[in-house]
């Protein structure tokens, strides 16, 4: 076999190896794209569930606590006004 034939065989082998490597790299890239897409969907789902849980289950209790705090604050203001009136009406 001549040297040129050996070089041709090596070039053919390199072509096959290059084509195989190209297929593997494209498969890896496709796999990475799918992974990224599912990762985004996963985190959006987690955020959506968290938001819905807060809105439907936690927020009513937070609103009740805020109302109770507002009522307590109003009671405090009324008590301060009553004591202020009491102090003004007492003889000194």
C-alpha atoms as a PDB file:
ATOM      1  CA  UNK A   1       0.000   0.000   0.000  1.00  0.00           C
ATOM      2  CA  UNK A   2       1.309   3.386  -0.865  1.00  0.00           C
ATOM      3  CA  UNK A   3       1.727   6.301   1.421  1.00  0.00           C
ATOM      4  CA  UNK A   4      -1.094   8.210  -0.314  1.00  0.00           C
ATOM      5  CA  UNK A   5      -3.517   5.322   0.255  1.00  0.00           C
ATOM      6  CA  UNK A   6      -2.615   5.275   3.960  1.00  0.00           C
ATOM      7  CA  UNK A   7      -3.216   9.019   4.194  1.00  0.00           C
ATOM      8  CA  UNK A   8      -6.584   8.602   2.442  1.00  0.00           C
ATOM      9  CA  UNK A   9      -7.575   5.908   4.951  1.00  0.00           C
ATOM     10  CA  UNK A  10      -6.542   8.131   7.858  1.00  0.00           C
ATOM     11  CA  UNK A  11      -8.511  11.047   6.409  1.00  0.00           C
ATOM     12  CA  UNK A  12     -11.592   8.808   6.019  1.00  0.00           C
ATOM     13  CA  UNK A  13     -11.248   7.635   9.625  1.00  0.00           C
ATOM     14  CA  UNK A  14     -10.907  11.230  10.776  1.00  0.00           C
ATOM     15  CA  UNK A  15     -14.042  12.146   8.792  1.00  0.00           C
ATOM     16  CA  UNK A  16     -15.985   9.369  10.503  1.00  0.00           C
ATOM     17  CA  UNK A  17     -14.690  10.355  13.934  1.00  0.00           C
ATOM     18  CA  UNK A  18     -15.497  14.014  13.246  1.00  0.00           C
ATOM     19  CA  UNK A  19     -19.027  13.159  12.096  1.00  0.00           C
ATOM     20  CA  UNK A  20     -19.568  11.006  15.183  1.00  0.00           C
ATOM     21  CA  UNK A  21     -18.240  13.752  17.471  1.00  0.00           C
ATOM     22  CA  UNK A  22     -20.490  16.289  15.734  1.00  0.00           C
ATOM     23  CA  UNK A  23     -23.545  14.071  16.354  1.00  0.00           C
ATOM     24  CA  UNK A  24     -22.600  13.690  20.021  1.00  0.00           C
ATOM     25  CA  UNK A  25     -22.085  17.434  20.495  1.00  0.00           C
ATOM     26  CA  UNK A  26     -25.422  18.235  18.855  1.00  0.00           C
ATOM     27  CA  UNK A  27     -27.105  15.678  21.109  1.00  0.00           C
ATOM     28  CA  UNK A  28     -25.510  17.243  24.168  1.00  0.00           C
ATOM     29  CA  UNK A  29     -26.658  20.703  23.121  1.00  0.00           C
ATOM     30  CA  UNK A  30     -30.206  19.461  22.522  1.00  0.00           C
ATOM     31  CA  UNK A  31     -30.184  17.747  25.912  1.00  0.00           C
ATOM     32  CA  UNK A  32     -28.959  20.948  27.563  1.00  0.00           C
ATOM     33  CA  UNK A  33     -31.755  22.973  25.921  1.00  0.00           C
ATOM     34  CA  UNK A  34     -34.398  20.541  27.195  1.00  0.00           C
ATOM     35  CA  UNK A  35     -32.839  20.620  30.638  1.00  0.00           C
ATOM     36  CA  UNK A  36     -32.918  24.427  30.681  1.00  0.00           C
ATOM     37  CA  UNK A  37     -36.542  24.486  29.520  1.00  0.00           C
ATOM     38  CA  UNK A  38     -37.640  22.027  32.207  1.00  0.00           C
ATOM     39  CA  UNK A  39     -35.618  23.939  34.819  1.00  0.00           C
ATOM     40  CA  UNK A  40     -37.474  27.149  33.912  1.00  0.00           C
ATOM     41  CA  UNK A  41     -40.826  25.356  34.027  1.00  0.00           C
ATOM     42  CA  UNK A  42     -39.882  23.815  37.392  1.00  0.00           C
ATOM     43  CA  UNK A  43     -39.037  27.162  39.021  1.00  0.00           C
ATOM     44  CA  UNK A  44     -42.080  28.912  37.533  1.00  0.00           C
ATOM     45  CA  UNK A  45     -44.232  26.111  38.965  1.00  0.00           C
ATOM     46  CA  UNK A  46     -42.625  26.478  42.394  1.00  0.00           C
ATOM     47  CA  UNK A  47     -43.107  30.255  42.333  1.00  0.00           C
ATOM     48  CA  UNK A  48     -46.706  29.871  41.149  1.00  0.00           C
ATOM     49  CA  UNK A  49     -47.560  27.368  43.859  1.00  0.00           C
ATOM     50  CA  UNK A  50     -45.914  29.571  46.473  1.00  0.00           C
ATOM     51  CA  UNK A  51     -47.843  32.626  45.303  1.00  0.00           C
ATOM     52  CA  UNK A  52     -51.146  30.752  45.162  1.00  0.00           C
ATOM     53  CA  UNK A  53     -50.557  29.284  48.617  1.00  0.00           C
ATOM     54  CA  UNK A  54     -49.914  32.720  50.041  1.00  0.00           C
ATOM     55  CA  UNK A  55     -52.916  34.254  48.279  1.00  0.00           C
ATOM     56  CA  UNK A  56     -55.440  31.563  49.214  1.00  0.00           C
ATOM     57  CA  UNK A  57     -54.186  30.321  52.587  1.00  0.00           C
ATOM     58  CA  UNK A  58     -51.880  32.847  54.266  1.00  0.00           C
ATOM     59  CA  UNK A  59     -53.202  36.208  53.083  1.00  0.00           C
ATOM     60  CA  UNK A  60     -56.619  35.929  54.818  1.00  0.00           C
ATOM     61  CA  UNK A  61     -54.847  35.359  58.146  1.00  0.00           C
ATOM     62  CA  UNK A  62     -52.487  38.256  57.488  1.00  0.00           C
ATOM     63  CA  UNK A  63     -55.497  40.461  56.719  1.00  0.00           C
ATOM     64  CA  UNK A  64     -57.156  39.387  59.992  1.00  0.00           C
ATOM     65  CA  UNK A  65     -54.010  40.169  61.967  1.00  0.00           C
ATOM     66  CA  UNK A  66     -53.712  43.555  60.267  1.00  0.00           C
ATOM     67  CA  UNK A  67     -57.373  44.315  61.072  1.00  0.00           C
ATOM     68  CA  UNK A  68     -56.833  43.279  64.686  1.00  0.00           C
ATOM     69  CA  UNK A  69     -53.768  45.501  64.855  1.00  0.00           C
ATOM     70  CA  UNK A  70     -55.769  48.388  63.375  1.00  0.00           C
ATOM     71  CA  UNK A  71     -58.526  47.835  65.917  1.00  0.00           C
ATOM     72  CA  UNK A  72     -56.004  47.693  68.761  1.00  0.00           C
ATOM     73  CA  UNK A  73     -54.391  50.876  67.490  1.00  0.00           C
ATOM     74  CA  UNK A  74     -57.816  52.527  67.343  1.00  0.00           C
ATOM     75  CA  UNK A  75     -58.558  51.375  70.874  1.00  0.00           C
ATOM     76  CA  UNK A  76     -55.237  52.821  72.016  1.00  0.00           C
ATOM     77  CA  UNK A  77     -56.066  56.186  70.442  1.00  0.00           C
ATOM     78  CA  UNK A  78     -59.528  56.176  72.070  1.00  0.00           C
ATOM     79  CA  UNK A  79     -58.024  55.324  75.446  1.00  0.00           C
ATOM     80  CA  UNK A  80     -55.450  58.103  75.126  1.00  0.00           C
ATOM     81  CA  UNK A  81     -58.203  60.589  74.234  1.00  0.00           C
ATOM     82  CA  UNK A  82     -60.303  59.441  77.197  1.00  0.00           C
ATOM     83  CA  UNK A  83     -57.359  59.798  79.592  1.00  0.00           C
ATOM     84  CA  UNK A  84     -56.542  63.201  78.118  1.00  0.00           C
ATOM     85  CA  UNK A  85     -60.140  64.293  78.755  1.00  0.00           C
ATOM     86  CA  UNK A  86     -59.980  62.877  82.259  1.00  0.00           C
ATOM     87  CA  UNK A  87     -56.780  64.805  83.003  1.00  0.00           C
ATOM     88  CA  UNK A  88     -58.314  68.034  81.698  1.00  0.00           C
ATOM     89  CA  UNK A  89     -61.476  67.662  83.793  1.00  0.00           C
ATOM     90  CA  UNK A  90     -59.753  66.934  87.098  1.00  0.00           C
ATOM     91  CA  UNK A  91     -59.161  69.857  89.462  1.00  0.00           C
ATOM     92  CA  UNK A  92     -55.588  70.698  90.233  1.00  0.00           C
END
